[in-house]
Amino acid sequence: MKGAKDEGFKTVLICKKERKSLYRRFKFVDEIFEIEQNSETISSECQEYLKEKSCILIPHGSLIAYSDIDYIEQLSIPIFGNKWILRWEADRNLKQELMSSAGLTTPQPVKSKHDIDRLCIVKLHGAAGGRGYFLAWNRETFEKGALDLLKQDVIKSEDDLYIQEYVRGVPVYLHYFYSAINNEIEFLGADRRYETDIDGLGRIPASHQLGIGIQTSSYNVIGNFPLVLRESLLGKVFSMGEDFVRAAKQLVPPGMIGPFCLEGVCDALGNFVTFEFSARIVAGTNLYIMGSPYSSLIYDDPMSMGRRIALEIKNAQNNADMKNILT
């Protein structure tokens, strides 16, 4: 929203009633549409309000996490980017198919709890921000972790879980922008997440960690660190982004439009292993409201991801290209 204001647009924020006082503090928020629950973002009342204001909806993680994908695809208001690719982000099987089609190196999926024969990470579908993730190394540890989530009503059955081999390395989240107008990939930043309780375990002596039990550890994201990569890695970063855009265009027309993120780890040999993608703006870009070291190589003005989205919309308006960036 700050980026939209920087480019001269008026802004409407959809937010829960309990957060209204927070966002009222910021002058770049012109209007607020208040909702009781996140799922009401796609309500008919909200849609009518946004249509009256001639709004373009910018999707982010909460839209995918709390809204039904079927309803998102049926929205009557224009969405920046490709709303059809959000289903591929929310479904881990489709997500794996797209990443494999892009030729990205990915962790090995594990089809069944009976096939777990190594350290694995178990995840929820959708944009959960690390919520509910746990480690398992055999059927018993999987069942214990699943039972804990069932008791908390996080899942309805074990079928709601996705099992993936655990890959060691440094977590890396790569922020891209694909301009459908210029047919060009831009690399605008990188971050790593700070997660509880797993990042806090390092502050506990090894002799005490066994007493905690690894099943109690969570991967809930509480913040993000900025990251600057070794220059020798950048060639691979760009080729990964370009391969992803090519695969998305083939599998999910009209393809990847605007911001996306490839999320994974970099191993000891400097190889990237991609375990996720986000087909929209991600929270890690908040680190770079005044631009990143990489955006500064492209733009003379401070360029946040939000501002880059707004700039693409402005350029599309000026060149009658709106049909190429909205769905």
C-alpha atoms as a PDB file:
ATOM      1  CA  MET A   1       0.000   0.000   0.000  1.00  0.00           C
ATOM      2  CA  LYS A   2       2.929   2.311   0.680  1.00  0.00           C
ATOM      3  CA  GLY A   3       4.206   1.505  -2.807  1.00  0.00           C
ATOM      4  CA  ALA A   4       0.803   2.249  -4.323  1.00  0.00           C
ATOM      5  CA  LYS A   5       0.781   5.674  -2.660  1.00  0.00           C
ATOM      6  CA  ASP A   6       4.333   6.288  -3.884  1.00  0.00           C
ATOM      7  CA  GLU A   7       3.019   5.834  -7.429  1.00  0.00           C
ATOM      8  CA  GLY A   8       0.013   8.121  -6.878  1.00  0.00           C
ATOM      9  CA  PHE A   9      -2.787   5.595  -6.364  1.00  0.00           C
ATOM     10  CA  LYS A  10      -5.527   5.775  -3.751  1.00  0.00           C
ATOM     11  CA  THR A  11      -5.666   2.764  -1.439  1.00  0.00           C
ATOM     12  CA  VAL A  12      -8.332   0.634   0.204  1.00  0.00           C
ATOM     13  CA  LEU A  13      -7.356  -1.789   2.943  1.00  0.00           C
ATOM     14  CA  ILE A  14      -9.424  -4.864   3.805  1.00  0.00           C
ATOM     15  CA  CYS A  15      -8.743  -5.741   7.427  1.00  0.00           C
ATOM     16  CA  LYS A  16     -10.224  -7.402  10.467  1.00  0.00           C
ATOM     17  CA  LYS A  17     -11.969  -5.159  12.953  1.00  0.00           C
ATOM     18  CA  GLU A  18      -9.392  -5.902  15.647  1.00  0.00           C
ATOM     19  CA  ARG A  19      -6.563  -4.520  13.488  1.00  0.00           C
ATOM     20  CA  LYS A  20      -8.274  -1.359  12.309  1.00  0.00           C
ATOM     21  CA  SER A  21      -6.657   0.833  14.973  1.00  0.00           C
ATOM     22  CA  LEU A  22      -3.212  -0.381  13.887  1.00  0.00           C
ATOM     23  CA  TYR A  23      -3.606   0.510  10.226  1.00  0.00           C
ATOM     24  CA  ARG A  24      -5.257   3.846  10.978  1.00  0.00           C
ATOM     25  CA  ARG A  25      -1.803   4.988  12.107  1.00  0.00           C
ATOM     26  CA  PHE A  26      -0.444   4.990   8.561  1.00  0.00           C
ATOM     27  CA  LYS A  27      -1.189   7.820   6.137  1.00  0.00           C
ATOM     28  CA  PHE A  28      -0.845   5.632   3.049  1.00  0.00           C
ATOM     29  CA  VAL A  29      -4.115   3.892   3.998  1.00  0.00           C
ATOM     30  CA  ASP A  30      -6.897   6.033   2.480  1.00  0.00           C
ATOM     31  CA  GLU A  31      -9.905   3.843   3.269  1.00  0.00           C
ATOM     32  CA  ILE A  32     -10.572   0.695   5.293  1.00  0.00           C
ATOM     33  CA  PHE A  33     -13.177  -1.977   4.617  1.00  0.00           C
ATOM     34  CA  GLU A  34     -13.754  -3.737   7.915  1.00  0.00           C
ATOM     35  CA  ILE A  35     -14.387  -7.491   8.152  1.00  0.00           C
ATOM     36  CA  GLU A  36     -14.986  -9.832  11.078  1.00  0.00           C
ATOM     37  CA  GLN A  37     -13.117 -12.834   9.641  1.00  0.00           C
ATOM     38  CA  ASN A  38     -10.396 -13.117   6.995  1.00  0.00           C
ATOM     39  CA  SER A  39     -12.687 -15.310   4.877  1.00  0.00           C
ATOM     40  CA  GLU A  40     -14.998 -12.299   4.376  1.00  0.00           C
ATOM     41  CA  THR A  41     -12.461 -10.834   1.943  1.00  0.00           C
ATOM     42  CA  ILE A  42     -14.360 -12.644  -0.812  1.00  0.00           C
ATOM     43  CA  SER A  43     -17.864 -11.842   0.457  1.00  0.00           C
ATOM     44  CA  SER A  44     -20.363 -10.290  -1.962  1.00  0.00           C
ATOM     45  CA  GLU A  45     -20.537  -7.179   0.237  1.00  0.00           C
ATOM     46  CA  CYS A  46     -16.785  -6.699   0.053  1.00  0.00           C
ATOM     47  CA  GLN A  47     -16.744  -7.298  -3.700  1.00  0.00           C
ATOM     48  CA  GLU A  48     -19.484  -4.712  -4.276  1.00  0.00           C
ATOM     49  CA  TYR A  49     -17.584  -2.161  -2.200  1.00  0.00           C
ATOM     50  CA  LEU A  50     -14.367  -2.769  -4.139  1.00  0.00           C
ATOM     51  CA  LYS A  51     -16.186  -2.548  -7.482  1.00  0.00           C
ATOM     52  CA  GLU A  52     -17.704   0.800  -6.489  1.00  0.00           C
ATOM     53  CA  LYS A  53     -14.175   2.063  -5.778  1.00  0.00           C
ATOM     54  CA  SER A  54     -12.829   0.600  -9.071  1.00  0.00           C
ATOM     55  CA  CYS A  55     -10.266  -1.364  -7.069  1.00  0.00           C
ATOM     56  CA  ILE A  56      -7.660  -3.865  -8.179  1.00  0.00           C
ATOM     57  CA  LEU A  57      -7.149  -6.591  -5.565  1.00  0.00           C
ATOM     58  CA  ILE A  58      -3.528  -7.438  -4.741  1.00  0.00           C
ATOM     59  CA  PRO A  59      -3.380 -11.061  -3.469  1.00  0.00           C
ATOM     60  CA  HIS A  60      -1.128 -12.040  -0.574  1.00  0.00           C
ATOM     61  CA  GLY A  61      -0.749 -14.982   1.792  1.00  0.00           C
ATOM     62  CA  SER A  62      -3.803 -14.340   3.948  1.00  0.00           C
ATOM     63  CA  LEU A  63      -6.128 -14.419   0.928  1.00  0.00           C
ATOM     64  CA  ILE A  64      -4.921 -17.922   0.084  1.00  0.00           C
ATOM     65  CA  ALA A  65      -4.726 -19.140   3.679  1.00  0.00           C
ATOM     66  CA  TYR A  66      -8.236 -18.083   4.701  1.00  0.00           C
ATOM     67  CA  SER A  67     -10.296 -18.003   1.500  1.00  0.00           C
ATOM     68  CA  ASP A  68     -11.701 -20.843  -0.577  1.00  0.00           C
ATOM     69  CA  ILE A  69      -9.781 -21.107  -3.853  1.00  0.00           C
ATOM     70  CA  ASP A  70     -12.992 -21.823  -5.785  1.00  0.00           C
ATOM     71  CA  TYR A  71     -14.409 -18.489  -4.658  1.00  0.00           C
ATOM     72  CA  ILE A  72     -11.182 -16.631  -5.406  1.00  0.00           C
ATOM     73  CA  GLU A  73     -11.354 -17.893  -8.997  1.00  0.00           C
ATOM     74  CA  GLN A  74     -14.947 -16.622  -9.262  1.00  0.00           C
ATOM     75  CA  LEU A  75     -14.295 -13.115  -7.925  1.00  0.00           C
ATOM     76  CA  SER A  76     -15.929 -10.416 -10.004  1.00  0.00           C
ATOM     77  CA  ILE A  77     -13.272  -7.792  -9.209  1.00  0.00           C
ATOM     78  CA  PRO A  78      -9.982  -7.633 -11.125  1.00  0.00           C
ATOM     79  CA  ILE A  79      -6.992  -9.295  -9.460  1.00  0.00           C
ATOM     80  CA  PHE A  80      -3.428  -8.273 -10.207  1.00  0.00           C
ATOM     81  CA  GLY A  81      -1.622 -11.326 -11.530  1.00  0.00           C
ATOM     82  CA  ASN A  82      -2.932 -14.764 -12.443  1.00  0.00           C
ATOM     83  CA  LYS A  83      -5.599 -15.878  -9.974  1.00  0.00           C
ATOM     84  CA  TRP A  84      -5.595 -19.384 -11.494  1.00  0.00           C
ATOM     85  CA  ILE A  85      -2.037 -20.053 -10.307  1.00  0.00           C
ATOM     86  CA  LEU A  86      -3.080 -19.506  -6.679  1.00  0.00           C
ATOM     87  CA  ARG A  87      -4.699 -22.971  -6.733  1.00  0.00           C
ATOM     88  CA  TRP A  88      -1.334 -24.438  -7.720  1.00  0.00           C
ATOM     89  CA  GLU A  89       0.258 -22.674  -4.775  1.00  0.00           C
ATOM     90  CA  ALA A  90      -2.376 -23.888  -2.310  1.00  0.00           C
ATOM     91  CA  ASP A  91      -2.280 -27.553  -3.407  1.00  0.00           C
ATOM     92  CA  ARG A  92       1.081 -29.158  -2.642  1.00  0.00           C
ATOM     93  CA  ASN A  93       0.700 -31.846  -5.297  1.00  0.00           C
ATOM     94  CA  LEU A  94       0.082 -29.246  -8.003  1.00  0.00           C
ATOM     95  CA  LYS A  95       2.883 -27.167  -6.523  1.00  0.00           C
ATOM     96  CA  GLN A  96       5.299 -30.087  -6.860  1.00  0.00           C
ATOM     97  CA  GLU A  97       4.190 -30.645 -10.470  1.00  0.00           C
ATOM     98  CA  LEU A  98       4.885 -27.035 -11.415  1.00  0.00           C
ATOM     99  CA  MET A  99       8.288 -26.938  -9.711  1.00  0.00           C
ATOM    100  CA  SER A 100       9.291 -30.229 -11.346  1.00  0.00           C
ATOM    101  CA  SER A 101       8.138 -28.972 -14.754  1.00  0.00           C
ATOM    102  CA  ALA A 102      10.362 -25.934 -14.230  1.00  0.00           C
ATOM    103  CA  GLY A 103      13.338 -28.236 -13.721  1.00  0.00           C
ATOM    104  CA  LEU A 104      13.881 -27.007 -10.170  1.00  0.00           C
ATOM    105  CA  THR A 105      15.690 -29.303  -7.761  1.00  0.00           C
ATOM    106  CA  THR A 106      13.126 -30.215  -5.106  1.00  0.00           C
ATOM    107  CA  PRO A 107      12.991 -32.432  -2.021  1.00  0.00           C
ATOM    108  CA  GLN A 108      11.621 -35.910  -2.607  1.00  0.00           C
ATOM    109  CA  PRO A 109       7.899 -36.172  -1.810  1.00  0.00           C
ATOM    110  CA  VAL A 110       6.954 -39.098   0.441  1.00  0.00           C
ATOM    111  CA  LYS A 111       3.610 -40.619  -0.571  1.00  0.00           C
ATOM    112  CA  SER A 112       2.684 -42.365   2.649  1.00  0.00           C
ATOM    113  CA  LYS A 113       3.587 -42.406   6.328  1.00  0.00           C
ATOM    114  CA  HIS A 114       4.544 -46.060   5.772  1.00  0.00           C
ATOM    115  CA  ASP A 115       7.271 -44.924   3.340  1.00  0.00           C
ATOM    116  CA  ILE A 116       9.058 -42.641   5.812  1.00  0.00           C
ATOM    117  CA  ASP A 117      12.593 -44.031   6.109  1.00  0.00           C
ATOM    118  CA  ARG A 118      14.576 -40.812   6.671  1.00  0.00           C
ATOM    119  CA  LEU A 119      14.147 -37.427   8.312  1.00  0.00           C
ATOM    120  CA  CYS A 120      11.091 -35.732   6.789  1.00  0.00           C
ATOM    121  CA  ILE A 121       9.201 -32.500   7.291  1.00  0.00           C
ATOM    122  CA  VAL A 122       5.414 -32.693   7.413  1.00  0.00           C
ATOM    123  CA  LYS A 123       3.461 -29.656   6.207  1.00  0.00           C
ATOM    124  CA  LEU A 124      -0.062 -28.340   5.799  1.00  0.00           C
ATOM    125  CA  HIS A 125      -1.440 -27.406   2.393  1.00  0.00           C
ATOM    126  CA  GLY A 126      -1.781 -23.720   1.534  1.00  0.00           C
ATOM    127  CA  ALA A 127      -0.082 -20.591   2.890  1.00  0.00           C
ATOM    128  CA  ALA A 128       0.200 -21.563   6.541  1.00  0.00           C
ATOM    129  CA  GLY A 129       3.325 -19.552   7.400  1.00  0.00           C
ATOM    130  CA  GLY A 130       4.959 -22.603   8.956  1.00  0.00           C
ATOM    131  CA  ARG A 131       2.004 -23.303  11.246  1.00  0.00           C
ATOM    132  CA  GLY A 132       1.573 -26.980  12.043  1.00  0.00           C
ATOM    133  CA  TYR A 133       4.840 -28.153  10.462  1.00  0.00           C
ATOM    134  CA  PHE A 134       6.703 -30.919  12.281  1.00  0.00           C
ATOM    135  CA  LEU A 135       9.548 -33.371  11.746  1.00  0.00           C
ATOM    136  CA  ALA A 136       9.112 -37.138  11.489  1.00  0.00           C
ATOM    137  CA  TRP A 137      11.581 -39.954  10.859  1.00  0.00           C
ATOM    138  CA  ASN A 138       9.277 -42.979  10.926  1.00  0.00           C
ATOM    139  CA  ARG A 139       5.585 -43.886  10.989  1.00  0.00           C
ATOM    140  CA  GLU A 140       5.337 -43.556  14.771  1.00  0.00           C
ATOM    141  CA  THR A 141       6.691 -39.999  14.930  1.00  0.00           C
ATOM    142  CA  PHE A 142       4.425 -38.997  12.032  1.00  0.00           C
ATOM    143  CA  GLU A 143       1.360 -40.348  13.822  1.00  0.00           C
ATOM    144  CA  LYS A 144       2.312 -38.569  17.045  1.00  0.00           C
ATOM    145  CA  GLY A 145       2.683 -35.239  15.265  1.00  0.00           C
ATOM    146  CA  ALA A 146      -0.562 -35.740  13.337  1.00  0.00           C
ATOM    147  CA  LEU A 147      -2.422 -36.618  16.538  1.00  0.00           C
ATOM    148  CA  ASP A 148      -1.204 -33.398  18.179  1.00  0.00           C
ATOM    149  CA  LEU A 149      -2.607 -31.376  15.234  1.00  0.00           C
ATOM    150  CA  LEU A 150      -5.898 -33.294  15.321  1.00  0.00           C
ATOM    151  CA  LYS A 151      -6.304 -32.478  19.013  1.00  0.00           C
ATOM    152  CA  GLN A 152      -5.725 -28.789  18.246  1.00  0.00           C
ATOM    153  CA  ASP A 153      -8.248 -28.872  15.340  1.00  0.00           C
ATOM    154  CA  VAL A 154      -5.510 -27.727  12.968  1.00  0.00           C
ATOM    155  CA  ILE A 155      -6.302 -30.641  10.625  1.00  0.00           C
ATOM    156  CA  LYS A 156      -9.359 -32.849  10.095  1.00  0.00           C
ATOM    157  CA  SER A 157      -7.429 -35.977   9.122  1.00  0.00           C
ATOM    158  CA  GLU A 158      -3.948 -37.197   8.216  1.00  0.00           C
ATOM    159  CA  ASP A 159      -4.910 -36.603   4.569  1.00  0.00           C
ATOM    160  CA  ASP A 160      -4.512 -32.865   5.232  1.00  0.00           C
ATOM    161  CA  LEU A 161      -0.738 -33.363   5.627  1.00  0.00           C
ATOM    162  CA  TYR A 162       2.022 -33.430   3.024  1.00  0.00           C
ATOM    163  CA  ILE A 163       5.259 -35.332   3.659  1.00  0.00           C
ATOM    164  CA  GLN A 164       8.561 -34.227   2.144  1.00  0.00           C
ATOM    165  CA  GLU A 165      12.142 -35.301   2.785  1.00  0.00           C
ATOM    166  CA  TYR A 166      14.069 -32.867   4.969  1.00  0.00           C
ATOM    167  CA  VAL A 167      16.952 -31.169   3.142  1.00  0.00           C
ATOM    168  CA  ARG A 168      19.773 -29.584   5.108  1.00  0.00           C
ATOM    169  CA  GLY A 169      21.033 -26.152   4.150  1.00  0.00           C
ATOM    170  CA  VAL A 170      20.641 -22.423   4.675  1.00  0.00           C
ATOM    171  CA  PRO A 171      17.023 -21.233   4.211  1.00  0.00           C
ATOM    172  CA  VAL A 172      16.782 -18.809   1.284  1.00  0.00           C
ATOM    173  CA  TYR A 173      13.676 -17.002   0.001  1.00  0.00           C
ATOM    174  CA  LEU A 174      14.131 -15.397  -3.425  1.00  0.00           C
ATOM    175  CA  HIS A 175      11.897 -12.448  -4.402  1.00  0.00           C
ATOM    176  CA  TYR A 176      11.143 -12.065  -8.095  1.00  0.00           C
ATOM    177  CA  PHE A 177       8.980  -9.839 -10.255  1.00  0.00           C
ATOM    178  CA  TYR A 178       7.993 -10.934 -13.739  1.00  0.00           C
ATOM    179  CA  SER A 179       6.815  -8.133 -15.998  1.00  0.00           C
ATOM    180  CA  ALA A 180       4.312  -9.457 -18.513  1.00  0.00           C
ATOM    181  CA  ILE A 181       4.571  -6.094 -20.265  1.00  0.00           C
ATOM    182  CA  ASN A 182       8.355  -6.176 -20.705  1.00  0.00           C
ATOM    183  CA  ASN A 183       8.684  -9.985 -20.747  1.00  0.00           C
ATOM    184  CA  GLU A 184      11.463  -9.663 -18.199  1.00  0.00           C
ATOM    185  CA  ILE A 185      12.447 -11.189 -14.847  1.00  0.00           C
ATOM    186  CA  GLU A 186      13.631  -8.893 -12.064  1.00  0.00           C
ATOM    187  CA  PHE A 187      15.313 -10.181  -8.912  1.00  0.00           C
ATOM    188  CA  LEU A 188      14.378  -7.718  -6.177  1.00  0.00           C
ATOM    189  CA  GLY A 189      15.622  -9.254  -2.930  1.00  0.00           C
ATOM    190  CA  ALA A 190      16.168 -12.244  -0.678  1.00  0.00           C
ATOM    191  CA  ASP A 191      15.428 -13.092   2.926  1.00  0.00           C
ATOM    192  CA  ARG A 192      15.418 -15.890   5.436  1.00  0.00           C
ATOM    193  CA  ARG A 193      12.718 -16.531   8.011  1.00  0.00           C
ATOM    194  CA  TYR A 194      12.966 -16.487  11.783  1.00  0.00           C
ATOM    195  CA  GLU A 195      10.835 -19.346  13.088  1.00  0.00           C
ATOM    196  CA  THR A 196       9.741 -20.498  16.527  1.00  0.00           C
ATOM    197  CA  ASP A 197      10.553 -22.737  18.185  1.00  0.00           C
ATOM    198  CA  ILE A 198      13.089 -24.224  15.817  1.00  0.00           C
ATOM    199  CA  ASP A 199      15.347 -21.147  15.670  1.00  0.00           C
ATOM    200  CA  GLY A 200      15.243 -20.875  19.439  1.00  0.00           C
ATOM    201  CA  LEU A 201      16.629 -24.360  19.990  1.00  0.00           C
ATOM    202  CA  GLY A 202      20.145 -23.121  19.269  1.00  0.00           C
ATOM    203  CA  ARG A 203      20.014 -21.092  22.497  1.00  0.00           C
ATOM    204  CA  ILE A 204      19.451 -24.237  24.547  1.00  0.00           C
ATOM    205  CA  PRO A 205      22.484 -26.430  25.406  1.00  0.00           C
ATOM    206  CA  ALA A 206      22.577 -29.705  23.465  1.00  0.00           C
ATOM    207  CA  SER A 207      22.499 -31.657  26.714  1.00  0.00           C
ATOM    208  CA  HIS A 208      19.070 -30.142  27.459  1.00  0.00           C
ATOM    209  CA  GLN A 209      17.530 -30.371  23.984  1.00  0.00           C
ATOM    210  CA  LEU A 210      16.635 -34.057  24.309  1.00  0.00           C
ATOM    211  CA  GLY A 211      14.438 -33.186  27.236  1.00  0.00           C
ATOM    212  CA  ILE A 212      12.365 -30.875  25.061  1.00  0.00           C
ATOM    213  CA  GLY A 213      11.581 -33.394  22.338  1.00  0.00           C
ATOM    214  CA  ILE A 214      11.753 -32.352  18.691  1.00  0.00           C
ATOM    215  CA  GLN A 215       8.023 -32.979  18.190  1.00  0.00           C
ATOM    216  CA  THR A 216       7.274 -29.895  20.307  1.00  0.00           C
ATOM    217  CA  SER A 217       9.182 -27.634  17.921  1.00  0.00           C
ATOM    218  CA  SER A 218       7.201 -25.381  15.602  1.00  0.00           C
ATOM    219  CA  TYR A 219       8.049 -23.513  12.420  1.00  0.00           C
ATOM    220  CA  ASN A 220       5.694 -20.555  12.882  1.00  0.00           C
ATOM    221  CA  VAL A 221       7.219 -17.514  11.202  1.00  0.00           C
ATOM    222  CA  ILE A 222       7.648 -14.518  13.520  1.00  0.00           C
ATOM    223  CA  GLY A 223       9.928 -12.379  11.350  1.00  0.00           C
ATOM    224  CA  ASN A 224      12.363 -12.178   8.467  1.00  0.00           C
ATOM    225  CA  PHE A 225      16.073 -11.397   8.045  1.00  0.00           C
ATOM    226  CA  PRO A 226      17.522  -9.581   5.005  1.00  0.00           C
ATOM    227  CA  LEU A 227      19.938 -11.659   2.965  1.00  0.00           C
ATOM    228  CA  VAL A 228      22.554 -10.769   0.356  1.00  0.00           C
ATOM    229  CA  LEU A 229      23.761 -13.732  -1.691  1.00  0.00           C
ATOM    230  CA  ARG A 230      27.232 -14.563  -2.933  1.00  0.00           C
ATOM    231  CA  GLU A 231      27.562 -13.084  -6.385  1.00  0.00           C
ATOM    232  CA  SER A 232      28.491 -16.494  -7.824  1.00  0.00           C
ATOM    233  CA  LEU A 233      24.973 -17.722  -6.979  1.00  0.00           C
ATOM    234  CA  LEU A 234      23.120 -15.006  -8.881  1.00  0.00           C
ATOM    235  CA  GLY A 235      23.326 -16.620 -12.315  1.00  0.00           C
ATOM    236  CA  LYS A 236      21.481 -19.651 -10.988  1.00  0.00           C
ATOM    237  CA  VAL A 237      18.964 -17.411  -9.210  1.00  0.00           C
ATOM    238  CA  PHE A 238      17.981 -15.745 -12.485  1.00  0.00           C
ATOM    239  CA  SER A 239      17.821 -18.994 -14.462  1.00  0.00           C
ATOM    240  CA  MET A 240      15.588 -20.580 -11.782  1.00  0.00           C
ATOM    241  CA  GLY A 241      13.178 -17.642 -12.008  1.00  0.00           C
ATOM    242  CA  GLU A 242      13.106 -17.766 -15.810  1.00  0.00           C
ATOM    243  CA  ASP A 243      12.524 -21.534 -15.816  1.00  0.00           C
ATOM    244  CA  PHE A 244       9.665 -21.128 -13.376  1.00  0.00           C
ATOM    245  CA  VAL A 245       8.015 -18.443 -15.510  1.00  0.00           C
ATOM    246  CA  ARG A 246       8.302 -20.654 -18.616  1.00  0.00           C
ATOM    247  CA  ALA A 247       6.726 -23.634 -16.856  1.00  0.00           C
ATOM    248  CA  ALA A 248       3.915 -21.530 -15.376  1.00  0.00           C
ATOM    249  CA  LYS A 249       3.063 -20.152 -18.825  1.00  0.00           C
ATOM    250  CA  GLN A 250       2.702 -23.699 -20.179  1.00  0.00           C
ATOM    251  CA  LEU A 251       0.780 -25.237 -17.257  1.00  0.00           C
ATOM    252  CA  VAL A 252      -1.305 -22.336 -15.907  1.00  0.00           C
ATOM    253  CA  PRO A 253      -2.069 -19.783 -18.653  1.00  0.00           C
ATOM    254  CA  PRO A 254      -1.541 -16.867 -18.748  1.00  0.00           C
ATOM    255  CA  GLY A 255       1.386 -17.842 -16.511  1.00  0.00           C
ATOM    256  CA  MET A 256       3.216 -16.060 -13.728  1.00  0.00           C
ATOM    257  CA  ILE A 257       2.443 -12.341 -13.581  1.00  0.00           C
ATOM    258  CA  GLY A 258       4.046  -9.925 -11.125  1.00  0.00           C
ATOM    259  CA  PRO A 259       5.659 -10.929  -7.821  1.00  0.00           C
ATOM    260  CA  PHE A 260       6.547 -14.464  -6.824  1.00  0.00           C
ATOM    261  CA  CYS A 261       8.946 -16.184  -4.480  1.00  0.00           C
ATOM    262  CA  LEU A 262      10.998 -19.371  -4.756  1.00  0.00           C
ATOM    263  CA  GLU A 263      11.620 -20.741  -1.290  1.00  0.00           C
ATOM    264  CA  GLY A 264      14.174 -23.349  -0.314  1.00  0.00           C
ATOM    265  CA  VAL A 265      17.640 -24.020   1.006  1.00  0.00           C
ATOM    266  CA  CYS A 266      21.145 -23.606  -0.333  1.00  0.00           C
ATOM    267  CA  ASP A 267      23.338 -26.605   0.487  1.00  0.00           C
ATOM    268  CA  ALA A 268      27.053 -26.870   1.278  1.00  0.00           C
ATOM    269  CA  LEU A 269      27.925 -26.977  -2.433  1.00  0.00           C
ATOM    270  CA  GLY A 270      25.932 -23.835  -3.205  1.00  0.00           C
ATOM    271  CA  ASN A 271      23.091 -25.736  -4.862  1.00  0.00           C
ATOM    272  CA  PHE A 272      19.505 -24.532  -4.452  1.00  0.00           C
ATOM    273  CA  VAL A 273      16.815 -26.985  -3.417  1.00  0.00           C
ATOM    274  CA  THR A 274      13.350 -25.434  -3.832  1.00  0.00           C
ATOM    275  CA  PHE A 275      10.621 -26.744  -1.537  1.00  0.00           C
ATOM    276  CA  GLU A 276       7.949 -24.052  -2.056  1.00  0.00           C
ATOM    277  CA  PHE A 277       6.818 -21.268  -4.310  1.00  0.00           C
ATOM    278  CA  SER A 278       4.491 -18.363  -3.575  1.00  0.00           C
ATOM    279  CA  ALA A 279       2.707 -16.970  -6.628  1.00  0.00           C
ATOM    280  CA  ARG A 280       2.181 -13.473  -5.160  1.00  0.00           C
ATOM    281  CA  ILE A 281       3.840 -10.919  -2.873  1.00  0.00           C
ATOM    282  CA  VAL A 282       5.421 -12.427   0.276  1.00  0.00           C
ATOM    283  CA  ALA A 283       6.070 -11.035   3.750  1.00  0.00           C
ATOM    284  CA  GLY A 284       9.845 -11.101   3.295  1.00  0.00           C
ATOM    285  CA  THR A 285       9.595  -8.177   0.874  1.00  0.00           C
ATOM    286  CA  ASN A 286       8.572  -5.978   3.836  1.00  0.00           C
ATOM    287  CA  LEU A 287      12.284  -5.812   4.624  1.00  0.00           C
ATOM    288  CA  TYR A 288      12.802  -3.668   1.550  1.00  0.00           C
ATOM    289  CA  ILE A 289      10.261  -0.864   1.741  1.00  0.00           C
ATOM    290  CA  MET A 290      13.064   1.487   0.688  1.00  0.00           C
ATOM    291  CA  GLY A 291      14.391  -0.990  -1.846  1.00  0.00           C
ATOM    292  CA  SER A 292      17.012  -3.727  -1.638  1.00  0.00           C
ATOM    293  CA  PRO A 293      20.623  -4.014  -2.811  1.00  0.00           C
ATOM    294  CA  TYR A 294      19.246  -5.773  -5.890  1.00  0.00           C
ATOM    295  CA  SER A 295      16.439  -3.342  -6.718  1.00  0.00           C
ATOM    296  CA  SER A 296      19.023  -0.543  -6.489  1.00  0.00           C
ATOM    297  CA  LEU A 297      20.870  -2.165  -9.402  1.00  0.00           C
ATOM    298  CA  ILE A 298      17.756  -1.707 -11.566  1.00  0.00           C
ATOM    299  CA  TYR A 299      16.030   1.434 -10.276  1.00  0.00           C
ATOM    300  CA  ASP A 300      17.401   4.794  -9.167  1.00  0.00           C
ATOM    301  CA  ASP A 301      14.389   5.422  -6.899  1.00  0.00           C
ATOM    302  CA  PRO A 302      13.633   3.261  -3.834  1.00  0.00           C
ATOM    303  CA  MET A 303      11.648   0.317  -5.232  1.00  0.00           C
ATOM    304  CA  SER A 304       9.706  -1.884  -2.858  1.00  0.00           C
ATOM    305  CA  MET A 305       7.796  -4.865  -4.218  1.00  0.00           C
ATOM    306  CA  GLY A 306       4.589  -2.975  -3.523  1.00  0.00           C
ATOM    307  CA  ARG A 307       5.787  -0.020  -5.536  1.00  0.00           C
ATOM    308  CA  ARG A 308       6.923  -2.327  -8.339  1.00  0.00           C
ATOM    309  CA  ILE A 309       3.380  -3.747  -8.537  1.00  0.00           C
ATOM    310  CA  ALA A 310       1.933  -0.235  -8.664  1.00  0.00           C
ATOM    311  CA  LEU A 311       4.454   0.793 -11.331  1.00  0.00           C
ATOM    312  CA  GLU A 312       3.436  -2.174 -13.496  1.00  0.00           C
ATOM    313  CA  ILE A 313      -0.227  -1.190 -13.183  1.00  0.00           C
ATOM    314  CA  LYS A 314       0.595   2.414 -14.086  1.00  0.00           C
ATOM    315  CA  ASN A 315       2.642   1.326 -17.123  1.00  0.00           C
ATOM    316  CA  ALA A 316      -0.204  -0.967 -18.218  1.00  0.00           C
ATOM    317  CA  GLN A 317      -2.694   1.902 -17.944  1.00  0.00           C
ATOM    318  CA  ASN A 318      -0.489   4.145 -20.054  1.00  0.00           C
ATOM    319  CA  ASN A 319       0.016   1.474 -22.723  1.00  0.00           C
ATOM    320  CA  ALA A 320      -3.471  -0.085 -22.738  1.00  0.00           C
ATOM    321  CA  ASP A 321      -2.003  -3.356 -21.473  1.00  0.00           C
ATOM    322  CA  MET A 322      -4.303  -3.933 -18.480  1.00  0.00           C
ATOM    323  CA  LYS A 323      -5.616  -7.191 -19.982  1.00  0.00           C
ATOM    324  CA  ASN A 324      -2.099  -8.637 -19.722  1.00  0.00           C
ATOM    325  CA  ILE A 325      -1.711  -8.111 -15.973  1.00  0.00           C
ATOM    326  CA  LEU A 326      -5.225  -8.698 -14.564  1.00  0.00           C
ATOM    327  CA  THR A 327      -7.436 -11.781 -14.276  1.00  0.00           C
END
